[in-house]
């Protein structure tokens, strides 16, 4: 991961987080969170775990469903996933982890490993000018 001071401010793109639908999968087993993390490792931070009385509610952006559950089990697994409209209602700054809710402006920058960084307004002030 780059240091925020190494990202040129001129390369940032302003972005207003619109929110997106969430895929919601519920487990009925109290697994350790570390085990869940390893199961969803490919999502690399693009998932959230909420404990329930009987297990976990797991959320991730809905557009990951096809990518994550390819193969023979895909249709069976997709049937267990509920779609929650605007359920992915915030992001986190890639650098300070600040909460970025729907409608808030922030910035994006290309990530050196593909994808992008999400940068809050405070961290954007620390970019290389």
Foldseek 3Di string as FASTA:
>chain_A
DDDQQAAALVQKDKDAAAFAKKKKAWDQAADPVVVVCVVVVVCPPQKDWDADPRYIIIIGHPVCLCVSQDDDCSVVVSVRIDIGGSPRAWFAFPPPGDTRGHGRMWIWHADPVGDITTHHPVSSVSYHD
